[in-house]
Amino acid sequence: MPSSALDDFLPEEKAYYLCAGCHGPETGAVLYPMPHDIPTIIGQKKDYLLKQLIAYREGHREHPNMSGILGNYSDQNLADLAEYYQNLGPKRP
């Protein structure tokens, strides 16, 4: 996958630009109502979250916003995001 516009950003900056609008930057709070449930990703295990992000990017999971947002981001960008969110909050079982 080619490099993306976010390659030079820190993980927390990537999270702000890609995830915060719906998932919240650090609190997990949704900033505006959505027509469907939005999962909290704070504290999610890195391996699980990375697998889901890649599935959205590759079209194996479908969601109009997620697929569009992640379409051009590298594996490293997604791994950075997954690690960032894993380290933000309480760990999930």
PDB file of N, CA and C in Angstrom:
ATOM      1  N   MET A   1       0.845  -1.171   0.000  1.00  0.00           N
ATOM      2  CA  MET A   1       0.000   0.000   0.000  1.00  0.00           C
ATOM      3  C   MET A   1       0.894   1.240   0.000  1.00  0.00           C
ATOM      4  N   PRO A   2       0.596   2.235  -0.817  1.00  0.00           N
ATOM      5  CA  PRO A   2       1.428   3.437  -0.864  1.00  0.00           C
ATOM      6  C   PRO A   2       1.307   4.238   0.425  1.00  0.00           C
ATOM      7  N   SER A   3       2.256   5.118   0.645  1.00  0.00           N
ATOM      8  CA  SER A   3       2.206   5.952   1.837  1.00  0.00           C
ATOM      9  C   SER A   3       0.988   6.864   1.759  1.00  0.00           C
ATOM     10  N   SER A   4       0.544   7.303   2.917  1.00  0.00           N
ATOM     11  CA  SER A   4      -0.647   8.146   2.956  1.00  0.00           C
ATOM     12  C   SER A   4      -0.308   9.525   3.491  1.00  0.00           C
ATOM     13  N   ALA A   5      -1.287  10.396   3.436  1.00  0.00           N
ATOM     14  CA  ALA A   5      -1.114  11.765   3.904  1.00  0.00           C
ATOM     15  C   ALA A   5      -0.860  11.831   5.400  1.00  0.00           C
ATOM     16  N   LEU A   6      -1.174  10.764   6.125  1.00  0.00           N
ATOM     17  CA  LEU A   6      -1.008  10.785   7.578  1.00  0.00           C
ATOM     18  C   LEU A   6       0.265  10.094   8.056  1.00  0.00           C
ATOM     19  N   ASP A   7       1.121   9.673   7.166  1.00  0.00           N
ATOM     20  CA  ASP A   7       2.322   8.956   7.575  1.00  0.00           C
ATOM     21  C   ASP A   7       3.194   9.748   8.538  1.00  0.00           C
ATOM     22  N   ASP A   8       3.233  11.058   8.418  1.00  0.00           N
ATOM     23  CA  ASP A   8       4.099  11.882   9.257  1.00  0.00           C
ATOM     24  C   ASP A   8       3.416  12.380  10.525  1.00  0.00           C
ATOM     25  N   PHE A   9       2.171  11.993  10.747  1.00  0.00           N
ATOM     26  CA  PHE A   9       1.447  12.436  11.929  1.00  0.00           C
ATOM     27  C   PHE A   9       1.674  11.469  13.090  1.00  0.00           C
ATOM     28  N   LEU A  10       1.611  11.991  14.308  1.00  0.00           N
ATOM     29  CA  LEU A  10       1.660  11.158  15.502  1.00  0.00           C
ATOM     30  C   LEU A  10       0.355  10.376  15.618  1.00  0.00           C
ATOM     31  N   PRO A  11       0.361   9.220  16.308  1.00  0.00           N
ATOM     32  CA  PRO A  11      -0.873   8.435  16.430  1.00  0.00           C
ATOM     33  C   PRO A  11      -2.053   9.236  16.976  1.00  0.00           C
ATOM     34  N   GLU A  12      -1.817  10.099  17.972  1.00  0.00           N
ATOM     35  CA  GLU A  12      -2.936  10.878  18.527  1.00  0.00           C
ATOM     36  C   GLU A  12      -3.473  11.891  17.512  1.00  0.00           C
ATOM     37  N   GLU A  13      -2.631  12.362  16.619  1.00  0.00           N
ATOM     38  CA  GLU A  13      -3.101  13.255  15.560  1.00  0.00           C
ATOM     39  C   GLU A  13      -3.914  12.478  14.535  1.00  0.00           C
ATOM     40  N   LYS A  14      -3.458  11.287  14.206  1.00  0.00           N
ATOM     41  CA  LYS A  14      -4.219  10.430  13.285  1.00  0.00           C
ATOM     42  C   LYS A  14      -5.594  10.132  13.873  1.00  0.00           C
ATOM     43  N   ALA A  15      -5.636   9.806  15.166  1.00  0.00           N
ATOM     44  CA  ALA A  15      -6.903   9.495  15.825  1.00  0.00           C
ATOM     45  C   ALA A  15      -7.839  10.694  15.767  1.00  0.00           C
ATOM     46  N   TYR A  16      -7.303  11.887  15.982  1.00  0.00           N
ATOM     47  CA  TYR A  16      -8.127  13.091  15.925  1.00  0.00           C
ATOM     48  C   TYR A  16      -8.743  13.255  14.532  1.00  0.00           C
ATOM     49  N   TYR A  17      -7.937  13.131  13.507  1.00  0.00           N
ATOM     50  CA  TYR A  17      -8.425  13.360  12.148  1.00  0.00           C
ATOM     51  C   TYR A  17      -9.309  12.231  11.622  1.00  0.00           C
ATOM     52  N   LEU A  18      -9.055  11.002  12.029  1.00  0.00           N
ATOM     53  CA  LEU A  18      -9.789   9.864  11.467  1.00  0.00           C
ATOM     54  C   LEU A  18     -10.945   9.379  12.327  1.00  0.00           C
ATOM     55  N   CYS A  19     -10.812   9.424  13.636  1.00  0.00           N
ATOM     56  CA  CYS A  19     -11.742   8.709  14.506  1.00  0.00           C
ATOM     57  C   CYS A  19     -12.586   9.594  15.417  1.00  0.00           C
ATOM     58  N   ALA A  20     -12.043  10.719  15.816  1.00  0.00           N
ATOM     59  CA  ALA A  20     -12.644  11.518  16.888  1.00  0.00           C
ATOM     60  C   ALA A  20     -14.050  12.018  16.573  1.00  0.00           C
ATOM     61  N   GLY A  21     -14.339  12.288  15.333  1.00  0.00           N
ATOM     62  CA  GLY A  21     -15.652  12.830  14.988  1.00  0.00           C
ATOM     63  C   GLY A  21     -16.803  11.935  15.392  1.00  0.00           C
ATOM     64  N   CYS A  22     -16.599  10.639  15.364  1.00  0.00           N
ATOM     65  CA  CYS A  22     -17.659   9.698  15.730  1.00  0.00           C
ATOM     66  C   CYS A  22     -17.359   8.959  17.034  1.00  0.00           C
ATOM     67  N   HIS A  23     -16.127   8.502  17.194  1.00  0.00           N
ATOM     68  CA  HIS A  23     -15.780   7.672  18.346  1.00  0.00           C
ATOM     69  C   HIS A  23     -15.310   8.474  19.548  1.00  0.00           C
ATOM     70  N   GLY A  24     -14.991   9.749  19.369  1.00  0.00           N
ATOM     71  CA  GLY A  24     -14.465  10.571  20.450  1.00  0.00           C
ATOM     72  C   GLY A  24     -12.958  10.386  20.560  1.00  0.00           C
ATOM     73  N   PRO A  25     -12.214  11.440  20.863  1.00  0.00           N
ATOM     74  CA  PRO A  25     -10.751  11.359  20.878  1.00  0.00           C
ATOM     75  C   PRO A  25     -10.179  10.590  22.050  1.00  0.00           C
ATOM     76  N   GLU A  26     -10.666  10.844  23.261  1.00  0.00           N
ATOM     77  CA  GLU A  26     -10.100  10.168  24.428  1.00  0.00           C
ATOM     78  C   GLU A  26     -11.162   9.708  25.398  1.00  0.00           C
ATOM     79  N   THR A  27     -12.338  10.264  25.311  1.00  0.00           N
ATOM     80  CA  THR A  27     -13.378   9.923  26.274  1.00  0.00           C
ATOM     81  C   THR A  27     -14.276   8.808  25.786  1.00  0.00           C
ATOM     82  N   GLY A  28     -14.253   8.534  24.487  1.00  0.00           N
ATOM     83  CA  GLY A  28     -15.158   7.552  23.924  1.00  0.00           C
ATOM     84  C   GLY A  28     -16.539   8.125  23.658  1.00  0.00           C
ATOM     85  N   ALA A  29     -16.733   9.397  23.957  1.00  0.00           N
ATOM     86  CA  ALA A  29     -18.039  10.024  23.772  1.00  0.00           C
ATOM     87  C   ALA A  29     -18.254  10.383  22.309  1.00  0.00           C
ATOM     88  N   VAL A  30     -19.435  10.108  21.812  1.00  0.00           N
ATOM     89  CA  VAL A  30     -19.792  10.472  20.449  1.00  0.00           C
ATOM     90  C   VAL A  30     -20.148  11.955  20.445  1.00  0.00           C
ATOM     91  N   LEU A  31     -19.616  12.680  19.479  1.00  0.00           N
ATOM     92  CA  LEU A  31     -19.794  14.126  19.458  1.00  0.00           C
ATOM     93  C   LEU A  31     -21.120  14.581  18.868  1.00  0.00           C
ATOM     94  N   TYR A  32     -21.759  13.747  18.076  1.00  0.00           N
ATOM     95  CA  TYR A  32     -23.062  14.086  17.539  1.00  0.00           C
ATOM     96  C   TYR A  32     -23.830  12.801  17.290  1.00  0.00           C
ATOM     97  N   PRO A  33     -25.162  12.867  17.328  1.00  0.00           N
ATOM     98  CA  PRO A  33     -25.957  11.648  17.181  1.00  0.00           C
ATOM     99  C   PRO A  33     -25.771  11.006  15.811  1.00  0.00           C
ATOM    100  N   MET A  34     -25.712   9.696  15.803  1.00  0.00           N
ATOM    101  CA  MET A  34     -25.603   8.943  14.561  1.00  0.00           C
ATOM    102  C   MET A  34     -26.841   8.048  14.453  1.00  0.00           C
ATOM    103  N   PRO A  35     -27.218   7.648  13.246  1.00  0.00           N
ATOM    104  CA  PRO A  35     -28.426   6.838  13.083  1.00  0.00           C
ATOM    105  C   PRO A  35     -28.256   5.386  13.531  1.00  0.00           C
ATOM    106  N   HIS A  36     -27.101   4.992  13.979  1.00  0.00           N
ATOM    107  CA  HIS A  36     -26.845   3.623  14.412  1.00  0.00           C
ATOM    108  C   HIS A  36     -25.810   3.655  15.538  1.00  0.00           C
ATOM    109  N   ASP A  37     -25.646   2.543  16.191  1.00  0.00           N
ATOM    110  CA  ASP A  37     -24.684   2.484  17.290  1.00  0.00           C
ATOM    111  C   ASP A  37     -23.252   2.616  16.790  1.00  0.00           C
ATOM    112  N   ILE A  38     -22.466   3.330  17.548  1.00  0.00           N
ATOM    113  CA  ILE A  38     -21.040   3.487  17.260  1.00  0.00           C
ATOM    114  C   ILE A  38     -20.283   2.879  18.427  1.00  0.00           C
ATOM    115  N   PRO A  39     -19.428   1.910  18.184  1.00  0.00           N
ATOM    116  CA  PRO A  39     -18.725   1.281  19.307  1.00  0.00           C
ATOM    117  C   PRO A  39     -17.675   2.191  19.917  1.00  0.00           C
ATOM    118  N   THR A  40     -17.480   2.017  21.208  1.00  0.00           N
ATOM    119  CA  THR A  40     -16.386   2.680  21.891  1.00  0.00           C
ATOM    120  C   THR A  40     -15.124   1.895  21.576  1.00  0.00           C
ATOM    121  N   ILE A  41     -14.091   2.586  21.156  1.00  0.00           N
ATOM    122  CA  ILE A  41     -12.858   1.884  20.808  1.00  0.00           C
ATOM    123  C   ILE A  41     -11.752   2.128  21.822  1.00  0.00           C
ATOM    124  N   ILE A  42     -12.039   2.944  22.832  1.00  0.00           N
ATOM    125  CA  ILE A  42     -11.067   3.196  23.899  1.00  0.00           C
ATOM    126  C   ILE A  42     -10.765   1.887  24.622  1.00  0.00           C
ATOM    127  N   GLY A  43      -9.488   1.550  24.738  1.00  0.00           N
ATOM    128  CA  GLY A  43      -9.076   0.348  25.460  1.00  0.00           C
ATOM    129  C   GLY A  43      -9.249  -0.955  24.697  1.00  0.00           C
ATOM    130  N   GLN A  44      -9.710  -0.864  23.461  1.00  0.00           N
ATOM    131  CA  GLN A  44      -9.888  -2.087  22.664  1.00  0.00           C
ATOM    132  C   GLN A  44      -8.528  -2.720  22.398  1.00  0.00           C
ATOM    133  N   LYS A  45      -8.469  -4.039  22.395  1.00  0.00           N
ATOM    134  CA  LYS A  45      -7.206  -4.730  22.136  1.00  0.00           C
ATOM    135  C   LYS A  45      -6.701  -4.404  20.731  1.00  0.00           C
ATOM    136  N   LYS A  46      -5.401  -4.140  20.662  1.00  0.00           N
ATOM    137  CA  LYS A  46      -4.777  -3.713  19.407  1.00  0.00           C
ATOM    138  C   LYS A  46      -5.012  -4.708  18.271  1.00  0.00           C
ATOM    139  N   ASP A  47      -4.770  -5.977  18.524  1.00  0.00           N
ATOM    140  CA  ASP A  47      -4.900  -6.970  17.456  1.00  0.00           C
ATOM    141  C   ASP A  47      -6.321  -7.028  16.913  1.00  0.00           C
ATOM    142  N   TYR A  48      -7.302  -6.974  17.809  1.00  0.00           N
ATOM    143  CA  TYR A  48      -8.701  -7.003  17.388  1.00  0.00           C
ATOM    144  C   TYR A  48      -9.036  -5.757  16.563  1.00  0.00           C
ATOM    145  N   LEU A  49      -8.683  -4.587  17.094  1.00  0.00           N
ATOM    146  CA  LEU A  49      -9.010  -3.338  16.414  1.00  0.00           C
ATOM    147  C   LEU A  49      -8.323  -3.251  15.056  1.00  0.00           C
ATOM    148  N   LEU A  50      -7.063  -3.646  14.991  1.00  0.00           N
ATOM    149  CA  LEU A  50      -6.339  -3.622  13.715  1.00  0.00           C
ATOM    150  C   LEU A  50      -7.005  -4.540  12.694  1.00  0.00           C
ATOM    151  N   LYS A  51      -7.413  -5.710  13.134  1.00  0.00           N
ATOM    152  CA  LYS A  51      -8.099  -6.650  12.229  1.00  0.00           C
ATOM    153  C   LYS A  51      -9.375  -6.012  11.668  1.00  0.00           C
ATOM    154  N   GLN A  52     -10.136  -5.320  12.514  1.00  0.00           N
ATOM    155  CA  GLN A  52     -11.374  -4.681  12.059  1.00  0.00           C
ATOM    156  C   GLN A  52     -11.090  -3.512  11.116  1.00  0.00           C
ATOM    157  N   LEU A  53     -10.086  -2.716  11.438  1.00  0.00           N
ATOM    158  CA  LEU A  53      -9.740  -1.579  10.575  1.00  0.00           C
ATOM    159  C   LEU A  53      -9.320  -2.056   9.184  1.00  0.00           C
ATOM    160  N   ILE A  54      -8.511  -3.099   9.140  1.00  0.00           N
ATOM    161  CA  ILE A  54      -8.081  -3.644   7.847  1.00  0.00           C
ATOM    162  C   ILE A  54      -9.272  -4.215   7.090  1.00  0.00           C
ATOM    163  N   ALA A  55     -10.176  -4.889   7.800  1.00  0.00           N
ATOM    164  CA  ALA A  55     -11.368  -5.448   7.152  1.00  0.00           C
ATOM    165  C   ALA A  55     -12.221  -4.350   6.521  1.00  0.00           C
ATOM    166  N   TYR A  56     -12.370  -3.217   7.208  1.00  0.00           N
ATOM    167  CA  TYR A  56     -13.094  -2.090   6.611  1.00  0.00           C
ATOM    168  C   TYR A  56     -12.355  -1.558   5.393  1.00  0.00           C
ATOM    169  N   ARG A  57     -11.058  -1.383   5.528  1.00  0.00           N
ATOM    170  CA  ARG A  57     -10.276  -0.826   4.418  1.00  0.00           C
ATOM    171  C   ARG A  57     -10.336  -1.731   3.193  1.00  0.00           C
ATOM    172  N   GLU A  58     -10.278  -3.035   3.409  1.00  0.00           N
ATOM    173  CA  GLU A  58     -10.263  -3.994   2.298  1.00  0.00           C
ATOM    174  C   GLU A  58     -11.656  -4.335   1.770  1.00  0.00           C
ATOM    175  N   GLY A  59     -12.699  -3.851   2.437  1.00  0.00           N
ATOM    176  CA  GLY A  59     -14.062  -4.121   1.981  1.00  0.00           C
ATOM    177  C   GLY A  59     -14.651  -5.417   2.499  1.00  0.00           C
ATOM    178  N   HIS A  60     -14.007  -6.072   3.465  1.00  0.00           N
ATOM    179  CA  HIS A  60     -14.542  -7.307   4.041  1.00  0.00           C
ATOM    180  C   HIS A  60     -15.606  -7.017   5.090  1.00  0.00           C
ATOM    181  N   ARG A  61     -15.566  -5.812   5.653  1.00  0.00           N
ATOM    182  CA  ARG A  61     -16.631  -5.280   6.512  1.00  0.00           C
ATOM    183  C   ARG A  61     -17.107  -4.018   5.814  1.00  0.00           C
ATOM    184  N   GLU A  62     -18.402  -3.776   5.892  1.00  0.00           N
ATOM    185  CA  GLU A  62     -18.935  -2.626   5.176  1.00  0.00           C
ATOM    186  C   GLU A  62     -19.564  -1.615   6.116  1.00  0.00           C
ATOM    187  N   HIS A  63     -19.184  -0.388   5.918  1.00  0.00           N
ATOM    188  CA  HIS A  63     -19.808   0.764   6.562  1.00  0.00           C
ATOM    189  C   HIS A  63     -19.390   1.954   5.705  1.00  0.00           C
ATOM    190  N   PRO A  64     -20.347   2.736   5.234  1.00  0.00           N
ATOM    191  CA  PRO A  64     -19.991   3.803   4.290  1.00  0.00           C
ATOM    192  C   PRO A  64     -18.946   4.781   4.821  1.00  0.00           C
ATOM    193  N   ASN A  65     -19.045   5.154   6.083  1.00  0.00           N
ATOM    194  CA  ASN A  65     -18.067   6.099   6.627  1.00  0.00           C
ATOM    195  C   ASN A  65     -16.717   5.437   6.845  1.00  0.00           C
ATOM    196  N   MET A  66     -16.710   4.262   7.457  1.00  0.00           N
ATOM    197  CA  MET A  66     -15.444   3.605   7.779  1.00  0.00           C
ATOM    198  C   MET A  66     -14.661   3.249   6.518  1.00  0.00           C
ATOM    199  N   SER A  67     -15.330   2.697   5.542  1.00  0.00           N
ATOM    200  CA  SER A  67     -14.642   2.295   4.318  1.00  0.00           C
ATOM    201  C   SER A  67     -14.058   3.511   3.602  1.00  0.00           C
ATOM    202  N   GLY A  68     -14.797   4.596   3.564  1.00  0.00           N
ATOM    203  CA  GLY A  68     -14.310   5.805   2.913  1.00  0.00           C
ATOM    204  C   GLY A  68     -13.148   6.449   3.642  1.00  0.00           C
ATOM    205  N   ILE A  69     -13.213   6.450   4.953  1.00  0.00           N
ATOM    206  CA  ILE A  69     -12.156   7.060   5.751  1.00  0.00           C
ATOM    207  C   ILE A  69     -10.862   6.270   5.662  1.00  0.00           C
ATOM    208  N   LEU A  70     -10.950   4.956   5.715  1.00  0.00           N
ATOM    209  CA  LEU A  70      -9.752   4.118   5.817  1.00  0.00           C
ATOM    210  C   LEU A  70      -9.175   3.688   4.477  1.00  0.00           C
ATOM    211  N   GLY A  71      -9.856   3.980   3.410  1.00  0.00           N
ATOM    212  CA  GLY A  71      -9.485   3.467   2.105  1.00  0.00           C
ATOM    213  C   GLY A  71      -8.046   3.641   1.673  1.00  0.00           C
ATOM    214  N   ASN A  72      -7.415   4.732   2.039  1.00  0.00           N
ATOM    215  CA  ASN A  72      -6.063   5.006   1.551  1.00  0.00           C
ATOM    216  C   ASN A  72      -4.978   4.930   2.617  1.00  0.00           C
ATOM    217  N   TYR A  73      -5.296   4.409   3.778  1.00  0.00           N
ATOM    218  CA  TYR A  73      -4.306   4.407   4.850  1.00  0.00           C
ATOM    219  C   TYR A  73      -3.526   3.107   4.917  1.00  0.00           C
ATOM    220  N   SER A  74      -2.261   3.243   5.217  1.00  0.00           N
ATOM    221  CA  SER A  74      -1.343   2.109   5.224  1.00  0.00           C
ATOM    222  C   SER A  74      -1.567   1.214   6.438  1.00  0.00           C
ATOM    223  N   ASP A  75      -1.022   0.012   6.374  1.00  0.00           N
ATOM    224  CA  ASP A  75      -1.065  -0.894   7.516  1.00  0.00           C
ATOM    225  C   ASP A  75      -0.434  -0.240   8.738  1.00  0.00           C
ATOM    226  N   GLN A  76       0.645   0.512   8.542  1.00  0.00           N
ATOM    227  CA  GLN A  76       1.310   1.161   9.670  1.00  0.00           C
ATOM    228  C   GLN A  76       0.419   2.233  10.292  1.00  0.00           C
ATOM    229  N   ASN A  77      -0.291   3.012   9.463  1.00  0.00           N
ATOM    230  CA  ASN A  77      -1.231   3.997   9.996  1.00  0.00           C
ATOM    231  C   ASN A  77      -2.278   3.314  10.873  1.00  0.00           C
ATOM    232  N   LEU A  78      -2.818   2.218  10.385  1.00  0.00           N
ATOM    233  CA  LEU A  78      -3.866   1.514  11.124  1.00  0.00           C
ATOM    234  C   LEU A  78      -3.307   0.864  12.389  1.00  0.00           C
ATOM    235  N   ALA A  79      -2.099   0.331  12.318  1.00  0.00           N
ATOM    236  CA  ALA A  79      -1.469  -0.253  13.513  1.00  0.00           C
ATOM    237  C   ALA A  79      -1.218   0.823  14.562  1.00  0.00           C
ATOM    238  N   ASP A  80      -0.803   2.004  14.133  1.00  0.00           N
ATOM    239  CA  ASP A  80      -0.600   3.121  15.062  1.00  0.00           C
ATOM    240  C   ASP A  80      -1.905   3.490  15.760  1.00  0.00           C
ATOM    241  N   LEU A  81      -2.986   3.558  15.003  1.00  0.00           N
ATOM    242  CA  LEU A  81      -4.282   3.884  15.583  1.00  0.00           C
ATOM    243  C   LEU A  81      -4.720   2.819  16.580  1.00  0.00           C
ATOM    244  N   ALA A  82      -4.574   1.565  16.201  1.00  0.00           N
ATOM    245  CA  ALA A  82      -4.986   0.473  17.078  1.00  0.00           C
ATOM    246  C   ALA A  82      -4.195   0.484  18.385  1.00  0.00           C
ATOM    247  N   GLU A  83      -2.913   0.714  18.294  1.00  0.00           N
ATOM    248  CA  GLU A  83      -2.086   0.771  19.506  1.00  0.00           C
ATOM    249  C   GLU A  83      -2.451   1.983  20.358  1.00  0.00           C
ATOM    250  N   TYR A  84      -2.678   3.111  19.731  1.00  0.00           N
ATOM    251  CA  TYR A  84      -3.058   4.323  20.447  1.00  0.00           C
ATOM    252  C   TYR A  84      -4.331   4.085  21.253  1.00  0.00           C
ATOM    253  N   TYR A  85      -5.365   3.543  20.622  1.00  0.00           N
ATOM    254  CA  TYR A  85      -6.628   3.329  21.321  1.00  0.00           C
ATOM    255  C   TYR A  85      -6.516   2.243  22.387  1.00  0.00           C
ATOM    256  N   GLN A  86      -5.699   1.233  22.152  1.00  0.00           N
ATOM    257  CA  GLN A  86      -5.503   0.203  23.175  1.00  0.00           C
ATOM    258  C   GLN A  86      -4.913   0.825  24.445  1.00  0.00           C
ATOM    259  N   ASN A  87      -4.007   1.762  24.284  1.00  0.00           N
ATOM    260  CA  ASN A  87      -3.308   2.352  25.427  1.00  0.00           C
ATOM    261  C   ASN A  87      -4.056   3.506  26.091  1.00  0.00           C
ATOM    262  N   LEU A  88      -5.197   3.921  25.550  1.00  0.00           N
ATOM    263  CA  LEU A  88      -5.920   5.068  26.092  1.00  0.00           C
ATOM    264  C   LEU A  88      -6.664   4.806  27.382  1.00  0.00           C
ATOM    265  N   GLY A  89      -7.267   3.664  27.511  1.00  0.00           N
ATOM    266  CA  GLY A  89      -8.153   3.481  28.643  1.00  0.00           C
ATOM    267  C   GLY A  89      -8.057   2.115  29.264  1.00  0.00           C
ATOM    268  N   PRO A  90      -9.044   1.788  30.063  1.00  0.00           N
ATOM    269  CA  PRO A  90      -9.037   0.474  30.712  1.00  0.00           C
ATOM    270  C   PRO A  90      -9.049  -0.630  29.657  1.00  0.00           C
ATOM    271  N   LYS A  91      -8.327  -1.666  29.954  1.00  0.00           N
ATOM    272  CA  LYS A  91      -8.244  -2.782  29.027  1.00  0.00           C
ATOM    273  C   LYS A  91      -9.550  -3.572  29.043  1.00  0.00           C
ATOM    274  N   ARG A  92      -9.924  -4.054  27.905  1.00  0.00           N
ATOM    275  CA  ARG A  92     -11.124  -4.877  27.788  1.00  0.00           C
ATOM    276  C   ARG A  92     -10.769  -6.334  28.009  1.00  0.00           C
ATOM    277  N   PRO A  93     -11.726  -7.098  28.511  1.00  0.00           N
ATOM    278  CA  PRO A  93     -11.451  -8.540  28.724  1.00  0.00           C
ATOM    279  C   PRO A  93     -11.249  -9.285  27.432  1.00  0.00           C
TER     280      PRO A  93
END
